[in-house]
Amino acid sequence: MNTRTPAQLKDALDAIAAELRAIETTAIADAELVPLANCIKDVAAYAVSVNARIVQRVLTDGVSVPGAARKAGISHRKWNDEEAAKRAAYDQFGKEAFECTLKSPAGIEKLGEAGKAFAALASYKPAASDRVVY
């Protein structure tokens, strides 16, 4: 059971963060890398939980949380009627009004047997780089 207050834990984490920033990662012994990374991941997972609580309190509950501010989101314009806009834009601007990209090989395969045959001939699978898991 933890006997420290959240303020005391914050101070301790601030001190640990300062110590971590002072360590060159190249100076960490190989045997210490994964345990340290796992511990930091645990702290990060808790940070996600704390962030969710802040978001809930500010956005859902409408509470003023010191240090957090509610800010208007950003939205981008959308067409009132996309199909009508496509037709009108094509009539007025032609192909210049459109951006076209080729689907991925998997997307082409979804077009049926001909798509599968096309993807088999026109695509390749590059070698994947190894990755580290822990």
Protein backbone atom coordinates (compact mmCIF):
# COMPACT_ATOMS: atom_id res chain seq x y z
CA MET A 1 0.00 0.00 0.00
CA ASN A 2 1.38 3.38 -0.99
CA THR A 3 1.62 5.88 1.84
CA ARG A 4 2.80 8.83 -0.25
CA THR A 5 0.39 11.49 -1.45
CA PRO A 6 0.05 12.24 -5.15
CA ALA A 7 2.04 15.47 -4.59
CA GLN A 8 4.86 13.48 -2.95
CA LEU A 9 4.83 10.96 -5.78
CA LYS A 10 5.00 13.80 -8.31
CA ASP A 11 8.06 15.23 -6.55
CA ALA A 12 9.70 11.78 -6.51
CA LEU A 13 8.94 11.28 -10.21
CA ASP A 14 10.35 14.74 -11.00
CA ALA A 15 13.58 13.75 -9.26
CA ILE A 16 13.73 10.42 -11.08
CA ALA A 17 13.04 12.11 -14.43
CA ALA A 18 15.91 14.52 -13.78
CA GLU A 19 18.22 11.61 -12.95
CA LEU A 20 17.18 9.77 -16.12
CA ARG A 21 17.82 12.84 -18.26
CA ALA A 22 21.33 13.02 -16.79
CA ILE A 23 22.18 9.44 -17.84
CA GLU A 24 23.52 8.80 -21.31
CA THR A 25 21.62 5.79 -22.64
CA THR A 26 24.92 4.45 -24.00
CA ALA A 27 26.12 4.18 -20.39
CA ILE A 28 23.31 1.79 -19.39
CA ALA A 29 24.48 -1.82 -19.16
CA ASP A 30 22.78 -4.22 -21.56
CA ALA A 31 21.35 -6.25 -18.69
CA GLU A 32 19.67 -3.11 -17.32
CA LEU A 33 18.10 -1.86 -20.58
CA VAL A 34 14.95 -3.99 -20.77
CA PRO A 35 14.09 -3.87 -17.03
CA LEU A 36 14.46 -0.07 -17.09
CA ALA A 37 12.40 0.22 -20.28
CA ASN A 38 9.66 -1.98 -18.81
CA CYS A 39 9.53 0.13 -15.66
CA ILE A 40 9.26 3.31 -17.75
CA LYS A 41 6.48 1.68 -19.81
CA ASP A 42 4.58 0.96 -16.57
CA VAL A 43 4.83 4.63 -15.60
CA ALA A 44 3.70 5.64 -19.10
CA ALA A 45 0.69 3.32 -18.84
CA TYR A 46 -0.27 5.00 -15.58
CA ALA A 47 0.17 8.38 -17.28
CA VAL A 48 -2.41 7.32 -19.87
CA SER A 49 -4.84 6.57 -17.04
CA VAL A 50 -4.18 9.94 -15.39
CA ASN A 51 -4.67 11.70 -18.74
CA ALA A 52 -7.99 9.92 -19.22
CA ARG A 53 -9.10 11.18 -15.81
CA ILE A 54 -8.11 14.76 -16.70
CA VAL A 55 -10.00 14.54 -20.01
CA GLN A 56 -13.07 13.15 -18.27
CA ARG A 57 -13.06 15.82 -15.58
CA VAL A 58 -12.55 18.73 -18.01
CA LEU A 59 -14.53 17.66 -21.08
CA THR A 60 -17.23 15.38 -19.71
CA ASP A 61 -17.75 16.72 -16.20
CA GLY A 62 -17.01 20.38 -17.04
CA VAL A 63 -14.71 20.75 -14.04
CA SER A 64 -11.92 23.33 -13.96
CA VAL A 65 -8.74 21.30 -13.33
CA PRO A 66 -5.74 23.49 -12.40
CA GLY A 67 -3.15 23.39 -15.20
CA ALA A 68 -5.57 22.01 -17.79
CA ALA A 69 -7.61 24.03 -20.23
CA ARG A 70 -10.51 23.22 -22.48
CA LYS A 71 -9.69 24.27 -26.02
CA ALA A 72 -11.90 24.30 -29.08
CA GLY A 73 -11.23 21.41 -31.43
CA ILE A 74 -10.29 21.79 -35.07
CA SER A 75 -12.58 20.62 -37.82
CA HIS A 76 -12.14 20.78 -41.55
CA ARG A 77 -14.82 21.74 -44.03
CA LYS A 78 -16.81 19.01 -45.71
CA TRP A 79 -18.96 19.09 -48.82
CA ASN A 80 -22.68 19.57 -48.22
CA ASP A 81 -23.37 16.87 -50.81
CA GLU A 82 -20.16 15.17 -51.90
CA GLU A 83 -21.59 13.56 -55.04
CA ALA A 84 -23.08 16.87 -56.22
CA ALA A 85 -19.81 18.64 -55.44
CA LYS A 86 -17.88 16.04 -57.46
CA ARG A 87 -20.10 16.53 -60.49
CA ALA A 88 -20.03 20.33 -60.27
CA ALA A 89 -16.27 20.43 -59.69
CA TYR A 90 -15.65 18.14 -62.65
CA ASP A 91 -17.90 20.28 -64.86
CA GLN A 92 -16.12 23.46 -63.81
CA PHE A 93 -12.49 22.35 -63.33
CA GLY A 94 -12.18 18.94 -64.98
CA LYS A 95 -9.59 16.48 -63.66
CA GLU A 96 -7.73 19.32 -61.92
CA ALA A 97 -10.30 19.15 -59.12
CA PHE A 98 -9.36 15.57 -58.23
CA GLU A 99 -6.51 13.75 -56.60
CA CYS A 100 -6.03 10.15 -57.57
CA THR A 101 -3.92 7.52 -55.82
CA LEU A 102 -3.40 3.88 -56.63
CA LYS A 103 -4.81 1.42 -54.13
CA SER A 104 -2.41 -0.87 -52.31
CA PRO A 105 -1.87 -4.42 -53.61
CA ALA A 106 -4.28 -5.65 -50.91
CA GLY A 107 -6.85 -3.08 -52.06
CA ILE A 108 -6.50 -4.19 -55.68
CA GLU A 109 -6.90 -7.85 -54.61
CA LYS A 110 -10.27 -6.95 -53.11
CA LEU A 111 -11.49 -6.15 -56.62
CA GLY A 112 -11.82 -9.87 -57.34
CA GLU A 113 -9.92 -12.57 -59.16
CA ALA A 114 -8.56 -10.17 -61.77
CA GLY A 115 -7.31 -7.94 -58.95
CA LYS A 116 -5.59 -10.90 -57.29
CA ALA A 117 -3.89 -11.82 -60.57
CA PHE A 118 -2.84 -8.21 -61.18
CA ALA A 119 -1.40 -7.84 -57.68
CA ALA A 120 0.48 -11.14 -58.02
CA LEU A 121 2.23 -9.85 -61.14
CA ALA A 122 2.61 -6.15 -60.31
CA SER A 123 3.63 -6.22 -56.66
CA TYR A 124 6.29 -7.65 -54.42
CA LYS A 125 6.80 -7.99 -50.71
CA PRO A 126 9.99 -6.28 -49.56
CA ALA A 127 12.05 -7.91 -46.86
CA ALA A 128 10.91 -6.85 -43.44
CA SER A 129 13.39 -5.43 -40.99
CA ASP A 130 13.85 -7.29 -37.75
CA ARG A 131 12.28 -5.67 -34.74
CA VAL A 132 12.78 -5.96 -31.03
CA VAL A 133 10.04 -7.10 -28.69
CA TYR A 134 10.11 -7.09 -24.90
